[in-house]
């Protein structure tokens, strides 16, 4: 579910600046804990997954798969 709170403005991808991983909000899983990330102020919006990956964010193992962690 896309978010319009914290730093999010309806973007599809949310970067967690604390863990340096990116989440797909259209495939969000309970284990992602998106609301906790936003409430802690660790949210960074991305329109494109490739942009998040190019800036060093790893895929979330739950909503994107292919995590290298």
C-alpha atoms as a PDB file:
ATOM      1  CA  UNK A   1       0.000   0.000   0.000  1.00  0.00           C
ATOM      2  CA  UNK A   2       1.514   3.291  -1.028  1.00  0.00           C
ATOM      3  CA  UNK A   3       1.939   5.860   1.733  1.00  0.00           C
ATOM      4  CA  UNK A   4       1.486   9.627   1.995  1.00  0.00           C
ATOM      5  CA  UNK A   5       3.012  10.084   5.444  1.00  0.00           C
ATOM      6  CA  UNK A   6       6.523  10.753   6.647  1.00  0.00           C
ATOM      7  CA  UNK A   7       8.690  11.517   3.619  1.00  0.00           C
ATOM      8  CA  UNK A   8       6.537   9.359   1.349  1.00  0.00           C
ATOM      9  CA  UNK A   9       4.354  10.989  -1.295  1.00  0.00           C
ATOM     10  CA  UNK A  10       2.805   7.991  -3.007  1.00  0.00           C
ATOM     11  CA  UNK A  11       6.027   6.556  -4.411  1.00  0.00           C
ATOM     12  CA  UNK A  12       6.116   2.811  -5.039  1.00  0.00           C
ATOM     13  CA  UNK A  13       9.453   2.092  -3.350  1.00  0.00           C
ATOM     14  CA  UNK A  14      10.511   2.905   0.195  1.00  0.00           C
ATOM     15  CA  UNK A  15      14.136   2.876   1.237  1.00  0.00           C
ATOM     16  CA  UNK A  16      14.953   2.110   4.859  1.00  0.00           C
ATOM     17  CA  UNK A  17      17.916   4.394   5.579  1.00  0.00           C
ATOM     18  CA  UNK A  18      18.786   2.506   8.780  1.00  0.00           C
ATOM     19  CA  UNK A  19      19.142  -0.922   7.125  1.00  0.00           C
ATOM     20  CA  UNK A  20      19.924   0.326   3.611  1.00  0.00           C
ATOM     21  CA  UNK A  21      17.231  -1.825   2.018  1.00  0.00           C
ATOM     22  CA  UNK A  22      14.387  -1.019  -0.342  1.00  0.00           C
ATOM     23  CA  UNK A  23      10.774  -2.216  -0.138  1.00  0.00           C
ATOM     24  CA  UNK A  24       8.080  -2.545  -2.818  1.00  0.00           C
ATOM     25  CA  UNK A  25       4.908  -1.035  -1.355  1.00  0.00           C
ATOM     26  CA  UNK A  26       2.763  -2.783  -3.980  1.00  0.00           C
ATOM     27  CA  UNK A  27       3.954  -6.158  -2.642  1.00  0.00           C
ATOM     28  CA  UNK A  28       4.308  -5.222   1.029  1.00  0.00           C
ATOM     29  CA  UNK A  29       4.516  -8.071   3.536  1.00  0.00           C
ATOM     30  CA  UNK A  30       3.847  -7.945   7.292  1.00  0.00           C
ATOM     31  CA  UNK A  31       7.540  -8.675   7.918  1.00  0.00           C
ATOM     32  CA  UNK A  32       8.517  -5.445   6.129  1.00  0.00           C
ATOM     33  CA  UNK A  33       7.188  -3.301   9.018  1.00  0.00           C
ATOM     34  CA  UNK A  34       6.745  -0.272   6.777  1.00  0.00           C
ATOM     35  CA  UNK A  35       4.833   1.828   9.324  1.00  0.00           C
ATOM     36  CA  UNK A  36       7.647   1.351  11.858  1.00  0.00           C
ATOM     37  CA  UNK A  37      10.208   2.539   9.288  1.00  0.00           C
ATOM     38  CA  UNK A  38       8.159   5.670   8.548  1.00  0.00           C
ATOM     39  CA  UNK A  39       7.439   6.405  12.221  1.00  0.00           C
ATOM     40  CA  UNK A  40      11.153   6.153  13.045  1.00  0.00           C
ATOM     41  CA  UNK A  41      11.981   8.618  10.247  1.00  0.00           C
ATOM     42  CA  UNK A  42      14.057   6.101   8.285  1.00  0.00           C
ATOM     43  CA  UNK A  43      11.947   6.347   5.111  1.00  0.00           C
ATOM     44  CA  UNK A  44      13.313   7.502   1.768  1.00  0.00           C
ATOM     45  CA  UNK A  45      11.022   7.505  -1.269  1.00  0.00           C
ATOM     46  CA  UNK A  46      12.012   6.111  -4.655  1.00  0.00           C
ATOM     47  CA  UNK A  47       9.972   6.158  -7.854  1.00  0.00           C
ATOM     48  CA  UNK A  48      12.158   3.523  -9.518  1.00  0.00           C
ATOM     49  CA  UNK A  49      13.679   0.385  -8.031  1.00  0.00           C
ATOM     50  CA  UNK A  50      16.736   0.837 -10.234  1.00  0.00           C
ATOM     51  CA  UNK A  51      17.433   4.224  -8.633  1.00  0.00           C
ATOM     52  CA  UNK A  52      17.360   2.726  -5.141  1.00  0.00           C
ATOM     53  CA  UNK A  53      19.642  -0.107  -6.217  1.00  0.00           C
ATOM     54  CA  UNK A  54      22.049   2.269  -7.977  1.00  0.00           C
ATOM     55  CA  UNK A  55      22.428   4.256  -4.752  1.00  0.00           C
ATOM     56  CA  UNK A  56      23.351   1.134  -2.779  1.00  0.00           C
ATOM     57  CA  UNK A  57      20.025  -0.133  -1.418  1.00  0.00           C
ATOM     58  CA  UNK A  58      19.595  -3.917  -1.185  1.00  0.00           C
ATOM     59  CA  UNK A  59      16.274  -5.625  -1.992  1.00  0.00           C
ATOM     60  CA  UNK A  60      14.054  -6.557   0.940  1.00  0.00           C
ATOM     61  CA  UNK A  61      14.015 -10.356   1.214  1.00  0.00           C
ATOM     62  CA  UNK A  62      10.252 -10.360   1.871  1.00  0.00           C
ATOM     63  CA  UNK A  63       8.644  -8.037  -0.675  1.00  0.00           C
ATOM     64  CA  UNK A  64      11.242  -8.000  -3.464  1.00  0.00           C
ATOM     65  CA  UNK A  65      13.425 -11.078  -3.006  1.00  0.00           C
ATOM     66  CA  UNK A  66      16.965 -11.364  -4.280  1.00  0.00           C
ATOM     67  CA  UNK A  67      18.482  -9.795  -1.179  1.00  0.00           C
ATOM     68  CA  UNK A  68      22.228 -10.105  -0.922  1.00  0.00           C
ATOM     69  CA  UNK A  69      22.137  -9.964   2.903  1.00  0.00           C
END
